């Protein structure tokens, strides 16, 4: 009996790294699948509504939450969110606007406010392409093996997914306390 439990634990030991890799891959796939679903729901809702989507639309909150999770996932220093990362490639005027918001006091809130801005101005695809082109920047902020943002293939998929939002009009207020 003791020898069979020894064999089981000896056989189980090598599986730990494989399981960790599988968990990372599973988390990435889940994030991409959830974003895909959110984009599809937003597209459908926009077609039915035939007017700009706003903060009061549930599907918009779901979409923003998915983007938020993607940008948070795999940060080397998650304490301040991804605000410091997006500062690196966002236009100075946008940064000034976002830092001047009255109801946003934290880096997490500024990052989320940036998401709203990117959707309003239909810039998310451009921002994702910047991320693809700036590998050194990404490596400074993200763990390559444990993030979507640090994975070129995943970012390419994100670019393709986000292209599906190009005909969706957003009118989101990004100076709202619940973003903090």
Protein backbone atom coordinates (compact mmCIF):
# COMPACT_ATOMS: atom_id res chain seq x y z
CA UNK A 1 0.00 0.00 0.00
CA UNK A 2 2.78 2.41 0.91
CA UNK A 3 4.53 1.72 -2.36
CA UNK A 4 1.42 2.53 -4.42
CA UNK A 5 0.96 5.88 -2.64
CA UNK A 6 4.67 6.59 -3.21
CA UNK A 7 4.20 5.86 -6.88
CA UNK A 8 1.14 8.11 -7.04
CA UNK A 9 2.94 11.05 -5.44
CA UNK A 10 6.02 10.49 -7.62
CA UNK A 11 3.80 10.47 -10.70
CA UNK A 12 1.90 13.54 -9.52
CA UNK A 13 4.95 15.76 -8.93
CA UNK A 14 5.78 16.45 -12.61
CA UNK A 15 2.18 17.42 -13.31
CA UNK A 16 2.33 20.59 -11.19
CA UNK A 17 4.12 22.77 -13.80
CA UNK A 18 1.94 21.34 -16.55
CA UNK A 19 -1.17 22.17 -14.53
CA UNK A 20 0.11 25.70 -13.93
CA UNK A 21 0.66 26.20 -17.68
CA UNK A 22 -2.75 24.72 -18.36
CA UNK A 23 -4.30 27.11 -15.83
CA UNK A 24 -2.64 30.11 -17.48
CA UNK A 25 -3.74 28.96 -20.92
CA UNK A 26 -7.22 28.26 -19.59
CA UNK A 27 -7.42 31.72 -18.02
CA UNK A 28 -6.31 33.38 -21.26
CA UNK A 29 -8.84 31.40 -23.27
CA UNK A 30 -11.59 32.24 -20.81
CA UNK A 31 -10.76 35.96 -21.00
CA UNK A 32 -10.83 35.85 -24.81
CA UNK A 33 -14.07 33.85 -24.88
CA UNK A 34 -15.73 36.20 -22.38
CA UNK A 35 -14.63 39.24 -24.39
CA UNK A 36 -15.92 37.64 -27.60
CA UNK A 37 -19.29 37.02 -25.98
CA UNK A 38 -19.42 40.59 -24.64
CA UNK A 39 -18.57 42.09 -28.03
CA UNK A 40 -21.25 39.98 -29.71
CA UNK A 41 -23.85 41.07 -27.15
CA UNK A 42 -22.88 44.73 -27.54
CA UNK A 43 -23.11 44.46 -31.34
CA UNK A 44 -26.53 42.83 -31.13
CA UNK A 45 -27.79 45.32 -28.55
CA UNK A 46 -26.50 48.27 -30.61
CA UNK A 47 -28.31 47.02 -33.72
CA UNK A 48 -31.55 46.62 -31.76
CA UNK A 49 -31.22 49.96 -30.01
CA UNK A 50 -30.05 51.95 -33.09
CA UNK A 51 -28.59 54.73 -30.99
CA UNK A 52 -25.31 55.26 -29.13
CA UNK A 53 -24.61 53.01 -26.18
CA UNK A 54 -24.29 54.72 -22.82
CA UNK A 55 -23.32 54.04 -19.21
CA UNK A 56 -26.85 52.87 -18.50
CA UNK A 57 -26.54 49.91 -20.89
CA UNK A 58 -25.72 46.70 -19.02
CA UNK A 59 -23.86 45.15 -21.96
CA UNK A 60 -21.45 48.09 -22.04
CA UNK A 61 -20.53 47.50 -18.39
CA UNK A 62 -19.97 43.82 -19.16
CA UNK A 63 -17.72 44.73 -22.11
CA UNK A 64 -15.70 47.22 -20.07
CA UNK A 65 -15.31 44.69 -17.28
CA UNK A 66 -13.87 42.19 -19.76
CA UNK A 67 -11.38 44.73 -21.09
CA UNK A 68 -10.49 45.68 -17.51
CA UNK A 69 -9.78 42.04 -16.63
CA UNK A 70 -7.65 41.60 -19.74
CA UNK A 71 -5.51 44.65 -18.97
CA UNK A 72 -5.16 43.67 -15.29
CA UNK A 73 -4.28 40.04 -15.97
CA UNK A 74 -0.55 39.38 -15.75
CA UNK A 75 0.61 42.82 -14.60
CA UNK A 76 3.97 42.59 -12.85
CA UNK A 77 2.84 45.20 -10.31
CA UNK A 78 -0.95 45.07 -10.11
CA UNK A 79 -1.22 47.53 -7.19
CA UNK A 80 -2.06 50.52 -9.40
CA UNK A 81 -3.77 48.74 -12.26
CA UNK A 82 -2.73 49.40 -15.85
CA UNK A 83 -2.86 53.22 -15.76
CA UNK A 84 0.94 53.57 -15.74
CA UNK A 85 1.12 51.23 -18.72
CA UNK A 86 -1.43 53.11 -20.87
CA UNK A 87 0.24 56.42 -20.00
CA UNK A 88 3.17 55.28 -22.12
CA UNK A 89 1.27 55.28 -25.44
CA UNK A 90 -1.73 57.55 -24.87
CA UNK A 91 -1.72 61.05 -26.35
CA UNK A 92 -0.77 63.82 -23.91
CA UNK A 93 -4.11 65.66 -24.36
CA UNK A 94 -6.03 62.52 -23.41
CA UNK A 95 -3.83 62.01 -20.35
CA UNK A 96 -4.46 65.61 -19.29
CA UNK A 97 -8.21 65.13 -19.71
CA UNK A 98 -8.22 61.89 -17.73
CA UNK A 99 -6.05 63.18 -14.89
CA UNK A 100 -8.31 66.22 -14.60
CA UNK A 101 -11.50 64.25 -14.01
CA UNK A 102 -13.23 65.31 -10.79
CA UNK A 103 -14.75 61.97 -9.78
CA UNK A 104 -11.77 59.73 -10.47
CA UNK A 105 -9.17 59.58 -7.71
CA UNK A 106 -7.28 56.31 -8.21
CA UNK A 107 -5.05 54.74 -10.84
CA UNK A 108 -7.58 51.94 -11.21
CA UNK A 109 -10.29 54.51 -11.96
CA UNK A 110 -8.07 56.36 -14.45
CA UNK A 111 -7.35 53.10 -16.27
CA UNK A 112 -11.05 52.33 -16.51
CA UNK A 113 -11.78 55.89 -17.57
CA UNK A 114 -9.17 55.39 -20.30
CA UNK A 115 -11.13 52.31 -21.46
CA UNK A 116 -14.29 54.41 -21.75
CA UNK A 117 -12.38 57.05 -23.69
CA UNK A 118 -10.91 54.41 -26.03
CA UNK A 119 -14.39 53.05 -26.77
CA UNK A 120 -15.94 56.51 -27.22
CA UNK A 121 -13.28 57.55 -29.72
CA UNK A 122 -13.06 54.13 -31.38
CA UNK A 123 -9.36 53.90 -30.51
CA UNK A 124 -9.12 50.49 -28.83
CA UNK A 125 -7.94 48.78 -32.02
CA UNK A 126 -5.21 51.42 -32.50
CA UNK A 127 -4.12 51.10 -28.88
CA UNK A 128 -3.88 47.32 -29.21
CA UNK A 129 -1.77 47.71 -32.35
CA UNK A 130 0.54 50.04 -30.38
CA UNK A 131 0.86 47.31 -27.78
CA UNK A 132 1.84 44.81 -30.48
CA UNK A 133 4.51 47.17 -31.81
CA UNK A 134 6.00 48.03 -28.39
CA UNK A 135 7.31 44.76 -27.00
CA UNK A 136 9.89 46.46 -24.74
CA UNK A 137 7.14 48.50 -23.11
CA UNK A 138 4.94 45.45 -22.60
CA UNK A 139 7.82 43.50 -21.00
CA UNK A 140 8.32 46.32 -18.49
CA UNK A 141 4.75 46.00 -17.22
CA UNK A 142 3.52 42.46 -17.96
CA UNK A 143 4.60 38.88 -17.35
CA UNK A 144 4.93 37.42 -20.83
CA UNK A 145 3.88 33.91 -19.91
CA UNK A 146 0.96 34.95 -17.72
CA UNK A 147 -0.79 37.77 -19.57
CA UNK A 148 -2.80 38.40 -22.68
CA UNK A 149 -1.17 41.78 -23.22
CA UNK A 150 2.29 40.17 -23.25
CA UNK A 151 1.24 37.47 -25.71
CA UNK A 152 1.54 38.68 -29.33
CA UNK A 153 -0.83 36.02 -30.63
CA UNK A 154 -3.47 36.91 -28.04
CA UNK A 155 -3.14 40.64 -28.78
CA UNK A 156 -3.56 39.88 -32.50
CA UNK A 157 -6.78 38.04 -31.62
CA UNK A 158 -7.85 41.04 -29.50
CA UNK A 159 -7.25 43.38 -32.47
CA UNK A 160 -9.47 41.18 -34.63
CA UNK A 161 -12.18 41.01 -31.96
CA UNK A 162 -12.13 44.76 -31.33
CA UNK A 163 -12.48 45.44 -35.05
CA UNK A 164 -16.04 44.18 -34.56
CA UNK A 165 -16.77 47.30 -32.50
CA UNK A 166 -15.84 49.80 -35.24
CA UNK A 167 -19.47 50.39 -36.20
CA UNK A 168 -20.74 50.62 -32.63
CA UNK A 169 -21.17 54.15 -31.30
CA UNK A 170 -20.46 54.74 -27.62
CA UNK A 171 -21.35 57.84 -25.60
CA UNK A 172 -19.86 56.91 -22.26
CA UNK A 173 -19.28 59.31 -19.39
CA UNK A 174 -15.86 58.52 -17.99
CA UNK A 175 -15.98 60.83 -14.96
CA UNK A 176 -18.17 58.65 -12.78
CA UNK A 177 -17.29 57.57 -9.22
CA UNK A 178 -18.02 53.88 -9.77
CA UNK A 179 -14.95 53.57 -12.00
CA UNK A 180 -12.71 54.00 -8.92
